[in-house]
């Protein structure tokens, strides 16, 4: 048995045992690791039993929730997160769209996959209900992303100036893999700042492999996602009035180290491809993605409720000539925003935007409370989670990832952060205030 196969079996069994004996959050950690490791598609898969590991992890999550549903519901009620009602509405609209979807078979298949993802997200929200569980989930994502970076490093570019063939189940192509790695930038910056020297070294190692993987994959959207997400977080670390003593110096050190490392792993092939971002309508920049995006509005004139999953691809040849489509018959729209707009129309797109806005409002309340309590580290942790989500949204603006796993993981982690650092604290304060009033009333009654 190979070392990777043995390590995977040990991790799998360890998470199962931890779920049964310690915390249900371990089941979600297992789900995350299985997603990135993608054992069925790796070279070491022949050395492990051929079972559906992702399905087992999902069932384990449901079992963990079912056993202690009452306890989890008290800690993490779904109704406390307004973003969830918008996501339910979005899922419901996908099912309604099956009545007018242009490709009903494909639409039904991917709608069912999206429903399974929503179940995972809703269950994970209840299971990941403590600060320690949140950290474990973040590190599970980072370790998974690091493994992809390692795979990229040992594989190298194998498709012209790009790297292909190391993806996950829902992101098999290079751009989807790169987008999944992008949120790691802001999260690693937070732990590199807050962790001890061992954690700092771990962040450097993870960051090096992930950065090298992104360079080898050579995705322009991912490059923009890293620049925007990590750059936004870095600016807050340097200029925020809530920063701690010495934080600006540490941020500058992290910035210098990150830029130096990035320049070290990049090459002429990478920078040559990034230069095509200057003109999104050039052939080298994707044969005119802005045209693909704007064509969505022409399609919506004929299909105002959306065209369902793969509907845009099916009718693209009717709205763009062969030259505009770059010679591709079933051209994709290449943007999660316009993908969602094309699949479920303005109503579905609006539901997604409302989910993001509701998430932002709740996260802002959590950050305000952290500042009120003098917890600047919590403030910057929540900010790192927001930046990670923003970085994915930027990267996804250039690829079709509206229903991607990692996108909704980032939404989940921001929701969990606002639950742990805001909703739970407000609930605790309310209970304490009620208990104090009852005590005062009982003392007053006794005196009377």
Protein backbone atom coordinates (compact mmCIF):
# COMPACT_ATOMS: atom_id res chain seq x y z
CA UNK A 1 0.00 0.00 0.00
CA UNK A 2 1.33 3.45 -0.91
CA UNK A 3 2.03 6.05 1.76
CA UNK A 4 -0.73 8.32 0.48
CA UNK A 5 -3.28 5.52 0.55
CA UNK A 6 -2.26 4.59 4.09
CA UNK A 7 -2.40 8.22 5.18
CA UNK A 8 -5.86 8.63 3.66
CA UNK A 9 -7.20 5.54 5.44
CA UNK A 10 -5.76 6.78 8.74
CA UNK A 11 -7.32 10.22 8.27
CA UNK A 12 -10.65 8.73 7.24
CA UNK A 13 -10.85 6.37 10.23
CA UNK A 14 -9.57 9.07 12.57
CA UNK A 15 -12.32 11.47 11.54
CA UNK A 16 -14.97 8.77 11.86
CA UNK A 17 -13.80 7.98 15.40
CA UNK A 18 -13.60 11.69 16.29
CA UNK A 19 -17.17 12.17 15.04
CA UNK A 20 -18.48 9.32 17.17
CA UNK A 21 -16.53 10.19 20.32
CA UNK A 22 -15.76 13.90 20.27
CA UNK A 23 -17.60 16.25 17.90
CA UNK A 24 -19.88 16.05 14.90
CA UNK A 25 -17.78 18.79 13.29
CA UNK A 26 -15.17 16.12 12.53
CA UNK A 27 -17.57 14.70 9.95
CA UNK A 28 -17.55 17.96 8.02
CA UNK A 29 -13.76 18.12 8.27
CA UNK A 30 -13.71 14.63 6.74
CA UNK A 31 -16.06 15.77 3.98
CA UNK A 32 -13.73 18.68 3.14
CA UNK A 33 -10.64 16.50 3.03
CA UNK A 34 -12.32 13.87 0.87
CA UNK A 35 -13.37 16.61 -1.54
CA UNK A 36 -9.80 17.77 -2.10
CA UNK A 37 -8.14 14.39 -1.91
CA UNK A 38 -10.71 13.04 -4.40
CA UNK A 39 -9.50 9.47 -3.81
CA UNK A 40 -11.35 7.91 -6.73
CA UNK A 41 -9.32 9.96 -9.23
CA UNK A 42 -5.84 9.78 -7.68
CA UNK A 43 -3.05 7.42 -8.66
CA UNK A 44 -3.12 5.81 -5.20
CA UNK A 45 -6.84 4.92 -5.41
CA UNK A 46 -6.04 1.31 -6.38
CA UNK A 47 -4.71 0.71 -2.86
CA UNK A 48 -7.91 1.69 -1.01
CA UNK A 49 -11.40 0.14 -0.90
CA UNK A 50 -13.64 1.37 -3.71
CA UNK A 51 -16.41 3.04 -1.72
CA UNK A 52 -18.10 6.42 -2.05
CA UNK A 53 -16.11 8.26 0.60
CA UNK A 54 -17.84 11.60 0.09
CA UNK A 55 -21.24 9.95 0.50
CA UNK A 56 -20.05 8.20 3.67
CA UNK A 57 -18.84 11.52 5.09
CA UNK A 58 -22.18 13.19 4.27
CA UNK A 59 -24.15 10.37 5.90
CA UNK A 60 -21.87 10.62 8.93
CA UNK A 61 -22.72 14.33 9.16
CA UNK A 62 -26.43 13.56 9.08
CA UNK A 63 -26.04 10.88 11.74
CA UNK A 64 -24.08 13.21 14.01
CA UNK A 65 -26.76 15.87 13.65
CA UNK A 66 -29.60 13.39 14.21
CA UNK A 67 -28.14 12.01 17.43
CA UNK A 68 -27.87 15.43 19.11
CA UNK A 69 -30.26 17.49 17.02
CA UNK A 70 -31.84 19.20 20.04
CA UNK A 71 -28.47 20.33 21.42
CA UNK A 72 -27.22 21.56 18.05
CA UNK A 73 -30.47 23.43 17.38
CA UNK A 74 -30.10 25.39 20.61
CA UNK A 75 -26.56 26.43 19.69
CA UNK A 76 -26.98 27.01 15.96
CA UNK A 77 -30.62 27.53 14.89
CA UNK A 78 -30.99 27.97 11.15
CA UNK A 79 -33.47 30.79 11.63
CA UNK A 80 -30.72 32.89 13.19
CA UNK A 81 -29.04 33.24 9.78
CA UNK A 82 -31.18 35.23 7.30
CA UNK A 83 -28.89 34.16 4.44
CA UNK A 84 -30.25 30.62 4.66
CA UNK A 85 -33.80 31.62 3.70
CA UNK A 86 -32.45 33.18 0.50
CA UNK A 87 -30.46 30.04 -0.28
CA UNK A 88 -33.57 27.92 0.23
CA UNK A 89 -35.41 30.20 -2.15
CA UNK A 90 -32.61 29.83 -4.70
CA UNK A 91 -32.75 26.04 -4.47
CA UNK A 92 -36.53 26.10 -4.80
CA UNK A 93 -36.26 28.23 -7.92
CA UNK A 94 -33.86 25.71 -9.47
CA UNK A 95 -36.51 23.05 -9.01
CA UNK A 96 -39.17 25.32 -10.49
CA UNK A 97 -36.88 26.06 -13.44
CA UNK A 98 -37.05 22.40 -14.41
CA UNK A 99 -40.43 23.24 -16.02
CA UNK A 100 -38.83 25.62 -18.54
CA UNK A 101 -35.17 24.48 -18.63
CA UNK A 102 -33.92 24.01 -22.19
CA UNK A 103 -31.95 20.91 -21.26
CA UNK A 104 -34.16 19.29 -18.64
CA UNK A 105 -32.03 16.17 -18.16
CA UNK A 106 -28.85 18.13 -17.40
CA UNK A 107 -30.80 20.64 -15.34
CA UNK A 108 -32.41 17.98 -13.16
CA UNK A 109 -29.09 16.22 -12.61
CA UNK A 110 -27.22 19.32 -11.48
CA UNK A 111 -30.17 20.64 -9.48
CA UNK A 112 -30.10 17.42 -7.47
CA UNK A 113 -26.35 17.88 -6.94
CA UNK A 114 -27.00 21.45 -5.80
CA UNK A 115 -29.65 20.21 -3.37
CA UNK A 116 -27.15 17.77 -1.87
CA UNK A 117 -24.67 20.60 -1.46
CA UNK A 118 -27.29 22.71 0.33
CA UNK A 119 -28.01 19.82 2.71
CA UNK A 120 -24.30 19.58 3.50
CA UNK A 121 -24.06 23.33 4.12
CA UNK A 122 -27.13 23.43 6.37
CA UNK A 123 -26.00 20.40 8.39
CA UNK A 124 -22.44 21.69 8.67
CA UNK A 125 -23.71 24.99 10.05
CA UNK A 126 -25.18 23.17 13.04
CA UNK A 127 -22.17 20.89 13.55
CA UNK A 128 -19.50 23.59 13.31
CA UNK A 129 -20.69 25.65 16.26
CA UNK A 130 -17.59 26.51 18.29
CA UNK A 131 -14.44 28.53 17.73
CA UNK A 132 -12.35 25.36 17.78
CA UNK A 133 -14.61 23.65 15.24
CA UNK A 134 -14.44 26.73 13.00
CA UNK A 135 -10.64 26.69 13.12
CA UNK A 136 -10.63 22.97 12.33
CA UNK A 137 -12.84 23.53 9.28
CA UNK A 138 -10.66 26.39 8.05
CA UNK A 139 -7.53 24.26 8.43
CA UNK A 140 -9.20 21.32 6.70
CA UNK A 141 -9.76 23.60 3.73
CA UNK A 142 -6.17 24.90 3.88
CA UNK A 143 -4.68 21.39 4.11
CA UNK A 144 -6.83 20.27 1.19
CA UNK A 145 -5.74 23.27 -0.87
CA UNK A 146 -2.12 22.55 0.04
CA UNK A 147 -2.49 18.99 -1.22
CA UNK A 148 -3.71 20.34 -4.57
CA UNK A 149 -0.69 22.65 -4.60
CA UNK A 150 1.56 19.67 -3.92
CA UNK A 151 -0.05 17.69 -6.75
CA UNK A 152 0.49 20.62 -9.09
CA UNK A 153 4.13 20.90 -8.06
CA UNK A 154 4.99 17.26 -8.69
CA UNK A 155 2.95 17.15 -11.92
CA UNK A 156 4.02 20.37 -13.63
CA UNK A 157 2.47 21.94 -16.70
CA UNK A 158 1.15 19.16 -18.89
CA UNK A 159 -1.17 21.02 -21.26
CA UNK A 160 0.80 23.70 -23.07
CA UNK A 161 1.30 26.61 -20.68
CA UNK A 162 -1.19 25.19 -18.17
CA UNK A 163 -1.73 22.31 -15.79
CA UNK A 164 -4.76 20.03 -16.13
CA UNK A 165 -6.01 16.79 -14.64
CA UNK A 166 -5.70 17.37 -10.87
CA UNK A 167 -9.18 18.71 -10.18
CA UNK A 168 -11.97 17.81 -7.84
CA UNK A 169 -15.34 16.25 -8.66
CA UNK A 170 -17.17 19.53 -9.37
CA UNK A 171 -14.09 21.41 -10.60
CA UNK A 172 -12.19 19.14 -12.97
CA UNK A 173 -10.75 21.88 -15.19
CA UNK A 174 -7.78 24.12 -14.41
CA UNK A 175 -9.76 27.32 -13.76
CA UNK A 176 -12.09 25.62 -11.29
CA UNK A 177 -9.15 24.16 -9.36
CA UNK A 178 -7.39 27.52 -9.25
CA UNK A 179 -10.50 29.28 -7.96
CA UNK A 180 -10.76 26.72 -5.15
CA UNK A 181 -7.23 27.63 -4.02
CA UNK A 182 -7.67 31.40 -4.08
CA UNK A 183 -9.41 31.91 -0.67
CA UNK A 184 -6.39 30.37 1.07
CA UNK A 185 -4.45 33.62 0.64
CA UNK A 186 -6.33 35.76 3.17
CA UNK A 187 -6.82 32.86 5.60
CA UNK A 188 -3.10 32.00 5.64
CA UNK A 189 -2.27 35.65 6.24
CA UNK A 190 -4.44 35.66 9.36
CA UNK A 191 -2.89 32.51 10.83
CA UNK A 192 0.62 33.63 9.88
CA UNK A 193 -0.03 36.77 11.90
CA UNK A 194 -1.76 35.18 14.89
CA UNK A 195 -0.04 31.80 15.17
CA UNK A 196 3.10 30.80 17.05
CA UNK A 197 6.33 30.10 15.19
CA UNK A 198 5.23 26.55 14.35
CA UNK A 199 2.00 27.80 12.82
CA UNK A 200 3.91 30.51 10.96
CA UNK A 201 6.21 27.89 9.44
CA UNK A 202 3.20 25.76 8.50
CA UNK A 203 1.58 28.77 6.81
CA UNK A 204 4.78 29.45 4.86
CA UNK A 205 4.90 25.84 3.65
CA UNK A 206 1.22 25.76 2.72
CA UNK A 207 1.42 29.14 1.05
CA UNK A 208 4.45 28.16 -1.02
CA UNK A 209 2.78 25.04 -2.42
CA UNK A 210 -0.53 26.78 -3.07
CA UNK A 211 1.18 29.72 -4.78
CA UNK A 212 3.26 27.42 -6.94
CA UNK A 213 0.13 25.49 -7.86
CA UNK A 214 -1.63 28.68 -8.91
CA UNK A 215 1.33 29.69 -11.08
CA UNK A 216 1.44 26.30 -12.78
CA UNK A 217 -2.32 26.31 -13.39
CA UNK A 218 -1.94 29.80 -14.85
CA UNK A 219 -5.47 31.08 -14.29
CA UNK A 220 -6.01 34.79 -14.84
CA UNK A 221 -9.21 34.86 -12.81
CA UNK A 222 -7.45 33.22 -9.88
CA UNK A 223 -4.66 35.79 -10.11
CA UNK A 224 -7.18 38.61 -9.84
CA UNK A 225 -8.92 36.82 -6.95
CA UNK A 226 -5.68 36.60 -4.98
CA UNK A 227 -4.78 40.22 -5.67
CA UNK A 228 -8.20 41.52 -4.61
CA UNK A 229 -8.89 39.20 -1.64
CA UNK A 230 -5.44 39.03 -0.08
CA UNK A 231 -4.73 42.66 -1.01
CA UNK A 232 -7.93 43.85 0.66
CA UNK A 233 -7.08 41.95 3.83
CA UNK A 234 -3.51 43.25 3.84
CA UNK A 235 -4.69 46.84 3.53
CA UNK A 236 -6.98 46.37 6.52
CA UNK A 237 -4.13 44.88 8.54
CA UNK A 238 -1.94 47.90 7.78
CA UNK A 239 -4.38 50.81 7.91
CA UNK A 240 -7.29 49.68 10.11
CA UNK A 241 -7.74 51.74 13.27
CA UNK A 242 -8.49 48.51 15.11
CA UNK A 243 -5.06 47.00 14.54
CA UNK A 244 -2.96 45.79 17.45
CA UNK A 245 0.45 47.07 18.45
CA UNK A 246 3.07 45.76 16.03
CA UNK A 247 0.45 44.54 13.57
CA UNK A 248 1.45 46.98 10.83
CA UNK A 249 5.06 45.80 10.96
CA UNK A 250 3.95 42.17 10.84
CA UNK A 251 1.66 42.92 7.90
CA UNK A 252 4.53 44.51 6.01
CA UNK A 253 6.73 41.49 6.73
CA UNK A 254 3.98 39.17 5.47
CA UNK A 255 3.51 41.34 2.37
CA UNK A 256 7.23 41.39 1.56
CA UNK A 257 7.53 37.64 2.14
CA UNK A 258 4.44 36.92 0.05
CA UNK A 259 5.48 39.15 -2.85
CA UNK A 260 9.04 37.81 -2.78
CA UNK A 261 7.79 34.23 -2.75
CA UNK A 262 5.32 34.99 -5.52
CA UNK A 263 8.00 36.52 -7.72
CA UNK A 264 10.25 33.55 -7.04
CA UNK A 265 7.75 30.92 -8.22
CA UNK A 266 6.42 32.87 -11.22
CA UNK A 267 8.00 32.64 -14.66
CA UNK A 268 7.79 34.29 -18.07
CA UNK A 269 4.98 31.95 -19.14
CA UNK A 270 2.86 33.08 -16.19
CA UNK A 271 3.42 36.82 -16.73
CA UNK A 272 2.88 36.49 -20.47
CA UNK A 273 -0.56 35.03 -19.81
CA UNK A 274 -1.41 37.62 -17.13
CA UNK A 275 -0.66 40.44 -19.57
CA UNK A 276 -3.69 39.38 -21.63
CA UNK A 277 -5.89 40.75 -18.82
CA UNK A 278 -5.31 44.20 -20.30
CA UNK A 279 -7.83 43.37 -23.03
CA UNK A 280 -10.68 41.05 -22.09
CA UNK A 281 -11.92 41.05 -25.69
CA UNK A 282 -8.70 39.69 -27.14
CA UNK A 283 -8.44 36.13 -28.40
CA UNK A 284 -5.71 35.39 -25.88
CA UNK A 285 -7.96 36.60 -23.07
CA UNK A 286 -10.70 34.09 -23.78
CA UNK A 287 -12.08 35.12 -27.18
CA UNK A 288 -14.18 37.97 -25.78
CA UNK A 289 -15.63 37.13 -22.38
CA UNK A 290 -17.32 40.50 -22.04
CA UNK A 291 -19.29 39.66 -25.17
CA UNK A 292 -20.28 36.31 -23.64
CA UNK A 293 -21.50 38.08 -20.51
CA UNK A 294 -23.52 40.73 -22.34
CA UNK A 295 -25.10 38.11 -24.60
CA UNK A 296 -26.86 36.79 -21.50
CA UNK A 297 -29.16 39.83 -21.60
CA UNK A 298 -30.08 39.11 -25.21
CA UNK A 299 -31.01 35.57 -24.23
CA UNK A 300 -33.10 36.76 -21.28
CA UNK A 301 -35.28 38.76 -23.66
CA UNK A 302 -36.45 35.43 -25.06
CA UNK A 303 -36.15 33.44 -21.80
CA UNK A 304 -36.99 35.93 -19.00
CA UNK A 305 -37.07 33.22 -16.29
CA UNK A 306 -33.71 31.78 -17.28
CA UNK A 307 -32.71 28.85 -19.42
CA UNK A 308 -31.78 26.29 -16.78
CA UNK A 309 -28.44 24.55 -16.31
CA UNK A 310 -26.46 24.41 -19.58
CA UNK A 311 -29.21 26.39 -21.31
CA UNK A 312 -26.82 29.19 -22.24
CA UNK A 313 -24.43 26.68 -23.80
CA UNK A 314 -27.22 25.09 -25.80
CA UNK A 315 -28.42 28.29 -27.48
CA UNK A 316 -25.15 30.26 -27.63
CA UNK A 317 -24.73 29.47 -31.32
CA UNK A 318 -28.07 31.22 -32.02
CA UNK A 319 -26.95 34.49 -30.45
CA UNK A 320 -23.26 34.60 -31.45
CA UNK A 321 -21.58 33.80 -34.72
CA UNK A 322 -18.77 31.30 -35.00
CA UNK A 323 -16.06 33.94 -34.87
CA UNK A 324 -17.49 35.55 -31.73
CA UNK A 325 -17.74 32.16 -30.04
CA UNK A 326 -14.11 31.41 -30.88
CA UNK A 327 -15.07 28.33 -32.89
CA UNK A 328 -16.73 26.65 -29.89
CA UNK A 329 -20.24 25.38 -30.66
CA UNK A 330 -21.65 25.25 -27.11
CA UNK A 331 -19.89 28.24 -25.59
CA UNK A 332 -20.10 28.75 -21.82
CA UNK A 333 -20.71 32.21 -20.36
CA UNK A 334 -17.52 32.12 -18.22
CA UNK A 335 -18.77 33.96 -15.13
CA UNK A 336 -20.56 32.68 -12.05
CA UNK A 337 -22.63 35.89 -11.95
CA UNK A 338 -23.90 35.59 -15.51
CA UNK A 339 -24.13 31.82 -15.18
CA UNK A 340 -26.59 32.24 -12.31
CA UNK A 341 -28.45 34.96 -14.21
CA UNK A 342 -28.74 32.74 -17.27
CA UNK A 343 -29.78 29.62 -15.36
CA UNK A 344 -32.46 30.99 -13.01
CA UNK A 345 -33.07 34.46 -14.38
CA UNK A 346 -33.14 37.80 -12.55
CA UNK A 347 -35.19 36.38 -9.69
CA UNK A 348 -32.70 33.62 -8.91
CA UNK A 349 -29.79 36.00 -9.34
CA UNK A 350 -31.49 38.40 -6.94
CA UNK A 351 -31.93 35.65 -4.35
CA UNK A 352 -28.20 34.90 -4.49
CA UNK A 353 -27.31 38.58 -4.11
CA UNK A 354 -29.71 38.90 -1.17
CA UNK A 355 -28.04 35.89 0.47
CA UNK A 356 -24.67 37.62 0.17
CA UNK A 357 -26.04 40.91 1.51
CA UNK A 358 -27.70 39.17 4.48
CA UNK A 359 -24.42 37.40 5.19
CA UNK A 360 -22.53 40.69 5.05
CA UNK A 361 -24.93 42.39 7.48
CA UNK A 362 -24.62 39.56 10.00
CA UNK A 363 -20.84 39.48 9.70
CA UNK A 364 -20.72 43.24 10.22
CA UNK A 365 -22.67 42.86 13.46
CA UNK A 366 -20.18 40.23 14.60
CA UNK A 367 -17.26 42.53 13.80
CA UNK A 368 -18.89 45.45 15.61
CA UNK A 369 -19.41 43.31 18.70
CA UNK A 370 -15.81 42.11 18.58
CA UNK A 371 -14.60 45.72 18.53
CA UNK A 372 -16.98 46.62 21.36
CA UNK A 373 -15.49 43.80 23.44
CA UNK A 374 -11.95 44.80 22.55
CA UNK A 375 -11.27 41.61 20.57
CA UNK A 376 -9.31 42.88 17.58
CA UNK A 377 -8.08 39.37 16.73
CA UNK A 378 -11.68 38.21 16.32
CA UNK A 379 -12.38 41.24 14.15
CA UNK A 380 -9.52 40.35 11.82
CA UNK A 381 -10.49 36.69 11.76
CA UNK A 382 -13.98 37.60 10.57
CA UNK A 383 -12.41 39.97 8.09
CA UNK A 384 -10.20 37.16 6.79
CA UNK A 385 -13.26 34.98 6.22
CA UNK A 386 -14.97 37.81 4.34
CA UNK A 387 -11.87 38.41 2.24
CA UNK A 388 -11.66 34.71 1.42
CA UNK A 389 -15.25 34.78 0.13
CA UNK A 390 -14.61 37.96 -1.85
CA UNK A 391 -11.52 36.45 -3.44
CA UNK A 392 -13.53 33.46 -4.63
CA UNK A 393 -16.27 35.69 -6.01
CA UNK A 394 -13.67 37.67 -7.96
CA UNK A 395 -12.00 34.53 -9.32
CA UNK A 396 -15.41 33.04 -10.12
CA UNK A 397 -16.32 36.12 -12.13
CA UNK A 398 -14.38 34.55 -15.00
CA UNK A 399 -15.56 30.93 -14.79
CA UNK A 400 -18.83 29.01 -14.44
CA UNK A 401 -18.80 28.18 -10.71
CA UNK A 402 -22.20 29.39 -9.49
CA UNK A 403 -22.91 26.04 -7.83
CA UNK A 404 -19.34 25.24 -6.74
CA UNK A 405 -18.62 23.50 -3.43
CA UNK A 406 -15.93 25.91 -2.26
CA UNK A 407 -18.09 28.98 -2.95
CA UNK A 408 -20.73 27.77 -0.52
CA UNK A 409 -18.08 26.60 1.93
CA UNK A 410 -16.86 30.18 2.13
CA UNK A 411 -20.43 31.38 2.65
CA UNK A 412 -20.80 28.74 5.36
CA UNK A 413 -17.60 29.75 7.17
CA UNK A 414 -18.64 33.41 7.28
CA UNK A 415 -22.05 32.34 8.62
CA UNK A 416 -20.42 30.13 11.26
CA UNK A 417 -18.12 32.98 12.26
CA UNK A 418 -21.06 35.34 12.81
CA UNK A 419 -22.86 32.61 14.77
CA UNK A 420 -19.92 31.86 17.06
CA UNK A 421 -18.84 35.45 17.62
CA UNK A 422 -22.20 37.21 17.55
CA UNK A 423 -25.40 35.16 17.69
CA UNK A 424 -24.23 32.82 20.45
CA UNK A 425 -22.89 35.71 22.52
CA UNK A 426 -26.09 37.71 22.15
CA UNK A 427 -28.14 34.65 23.11
CA UNK A 428 -25.94 34.04 26.15
CA UNK A 429 -26.21 37.67 27.25
CA UNK A 430 -29.98 37.53 26.87
CA UNK A 431 -30.25 34.40 29.01
CA UNK A 432 -28.03 35.90 31.67
CA UNK A 433 -30.11 39.08 31.73
CA UNK A 434 -33.33 37.06 32.02
CA UNK A 435 -31.86 34.98 34.82
CA UNK A 436 -30.78 38.14 36.65
CA UNK A 437 -34.26 39.64 36.36
CA UNK A 438 -35.84 36.44 37.65
CA UNK A 439 -33.47 36.47 40.59
CA UNK A 440 -34.33 40.09 41.41
CA UNK A 441 -38.05 39.39 41.11
CA UNK A 442 -37.79 36.35 43.36
CA UNK A 443 -35.90 38.35 46.00
CA UNK A 444 -38.51 41.11 45.81
CA UNK A 445 -41.31 38.59 46.26
CA UNK A 446 -39.58 37.03 49.26
CA UNK A 447 -39.21 40.41 50.99
CA UNK A 448 -42.87 41.19 50.38
